[in-house]
């Protein structure tokens, strides 16, 4: 995702195990902070039902980028 100061910043696209009770942003950050360097921490979390895939099963990254904007 574009960032005014850093150029780009990470974004996490998440498929929750239980769509009725997706994890909160605080829960995700509590999980990630001890496991990631601060500059790798996502600045935004996007919940989706499934990742967009093409006919061969590969993730369509351009469609994911469209979700971020």
C-alpha atoms as a PDB file:
ATOM      1  CA  UNK A   1       0.000   0.000   0.000  1.00  0.00           C
ATOM      2  CA  UNK A   2       1.413   3.430  -0.816  1.00  0.00           C
ATOM      3  CA  UNK A   3       2.660   5.443   2.171  1.00  0.00           C
ATOM      4  CA  UNK A   4       3.505   9.142   2.128  1.00  0.00           C
ATOM      5  CA  UNK A   5       6.641   8.830   4.288  1.00  0.00           C
ATOM      6  CA  UNK A   6       7.989   5.331   3.574  1.00  0.00           C
ATOM      7  CA  UNK A   7       6.912   4.812  -0.032  1.00  0.00           C
ATOM      8  CA  UNK A   8       5.087   1.568   0.732  1.00  0.00           C
ATOM      9  CA  UNK A   9       3.733  -0.185   3.807  1.00  0.00           C
ATOM     10  CA  UNK A  10       2.596  -3.823   4.275  1.00  0.00           C
ATOM     11  CA  UNK A  11      -1.061  -4.852   4.198  1.00  0.00           C
ATOM     12  CA  UNK A  12      -2.379  -8.248   5.354  1.00  0.00           C
ATOM     13  CA  UNK A  13      -5.232  -9.924   3.488  1.00  0.00           C
ATOM     14  CA  UNK A  14      -6.805 -12.466   5.841  1.00  0.00           C
ATOM     15  CA  UNK A  15      -9.274 -15.312   5.420  1.00  0.00           C
ATOM     16  CA  UNK A  16     -10.776 -15.841   8.890  1.00  0.00           C
ATOM     17  CA  UNK A  17     -11.343 -19.440  10.009  1.00  0.00           C
ATOM     18  CA  UNK A  18     -14.729 -18.457  11.408  1.00  0.00           C
ATOM     19  CA  UNK A  19     -16.290 -15.754   9.193  1.00  0.00           C
ATOM     20  CA  UNK A  20     -18.966 -15.121  11.820  1.00  0.00           C
ATOM     21  CA  UNK A  21     -16.278 -14.170  14.364  1.00  0.00           C
ATOM     22  CA  UNK A  22     -13.246 -12.739  12.549  1.00  0.00           C
ATOM     23  CA  UNK A  23     -10.250 -11.733  14.696  1.00  0.00           C
ATOM     24  CA  UNK A  24     -10.005  -8.103  15.728  1.00  0.00           C
ATOM     25  CA  UNK A  25      -7.139  -5.904  14.618  1.00  0.00           C
ATOM     26  CA  UNK A  26      -5.863  -5.863  18.207  1.00  0.00           C
ATOM     27  CA  UNK A  27      -5.806  -9.681  18.321  1.00  0.00           C
ATOM     28  CA  UNK A  28      -3.873  -9.819  15.072  1.00  0.00           C
ATOM     29  CA  UNK A  29      -1.348  -7.232  16.250  1.00  0.00           C
ATOM     30  CA  UNK A  30      -0.842  -9.078  19.566  1.00  0.00           C
ATOM     31  CA  UNK A  31      -0.011 -12.182  17.548  1.00  0.00           C
ATOM     32  CA  UNK A  32       2.258 -10.460  15.016  1.00  0.00           C
ATOM     33  CA  UNK A  33       4.250  -7.937  17.093  1.00  0.00           C
ATOM     34  CA  UNK A  34       6.546 -10.497  18.805  1.00  0.00           C
ATOM     35  CA  UNK A  35       7.015 -12.373  15.525  1.00  0.00           C
ATOM     36  CA  UNK A  36       7.746  -9.543  13.073  1.00  0.00           C
ATOM     37  CA  UNK A  37      10.166  -6.651  12.868  1.00  0.00           C
ATOM     38  CA  UNK A  38       8.389  -3.312  13.372  1.00  0.00           C
ATOM     39  CA  UNK A  39       8.844  -2.278   9.746  1.00  0.00           C
ATOM     40  CA  UNK A  40       7.132  -5.494   8.572  1.00  0.00           C
ATOM     41  CA  UNK A  41       4.013  -4.984  10.726  1.00  0.00           C
ATOM     42  CA  UNK A  42       0.922  -4.543   8.516  1.00  0.00           C
ATOM     43  CA  UNK A  43      -0.621  -1.107   8.650  1.00  0.00           C
ATOM     44  CA  UNK A  44      -3.991  -2.444   7.503  1.00  0.00           C
ATOM     45  CA  UNK A  45      -5.875  -5.744   7.689  1.00  0.00           C
ATOM     46  CA  UNK A  46      -8.410  -6.732   5.041  1.00  0.00           C
ATOM     47  CA  UNK A  47     -10.787  -9.642   5.684  1.00  0.00           C
ATOM     48  CA  UNK A  48     -11.963 -11.625   2.648  1.00  0.00           C
ATOM     49  CA  UNK A  49     -13.959 -14.835   2.208  1.00  0.00           C
ATOM     50  CA  UNK A  50     -11.421 -16.249  -0.250  1.00  0.00           C
ATOM     51  CA  UNK A  51      -8.427 -15.147  -2.260  1.00  0.00           C
ATOM     52  CA  UNK A  52      -9.029 -14.372  -5.944  1.00  0.00           C
ATOM     53  CA  UNK A  53      -7.481 -17.147  -8.031  1.00  0.00           C
ATOM     54  CA  UNK A  54      -7.092 -17.806 -11.740  1.00  0.00           C
ATOM     55  CA  UNK A  55      -7.959 -21.052 -13.527  1.00  0.00           C
ATOM     56  CA  UNK A  56      -4.644 -22.683 -12.544  1.00  0.00           C
ATOM     57  CA  UNK A  57      -5.112 -21.804  -8.873  1.00  0.00           C
ATOM     58  CA  UNK A  58      -2.604 -18.962  -8.600  1.00  0.00           C
ATOM     59  CA  UNK A  59      -3.517 -15.887  -6.552  1.00  0.00           C
ATOM     60  CA  UNK A  60      -4.397 -12.908  -8.754  1.00  0.00           C
ATOM     61  CA  UNK A  61      -2.249 -10.204  -7.161  1.00  0.00           C
ATOM     62  CA  UNK A  62      -3.627  -7.378  -9.294  1.00  0.00           C
ATOM     63  CA  UNK A  63      -7.106  -8.053  -7.897  1.00  0.00           C
ATOM     64  CA  UNK A  64      -5.689  -8.007  -4.359  1.00  0.00           C
ATOM     65  CA  UNK A  65      -4.055  -4.643  -5.065  1.00  0.00           C
ATOM     66  CA  UNK A  66      -7.482  -3.374  -6.138  1.00  0.00           C
ATOM     67  CA  UNK A  67      -8.902  -4.312  -2.726  1.00  0.00           C
ATOM     68  CA  UNK A  68      -6.278  -2.207  -0.996  1.00  0.00           C
ATOM     69  CA  UNK A  69      -6.946   1.033  -2.844  1.00  0.00           C
END
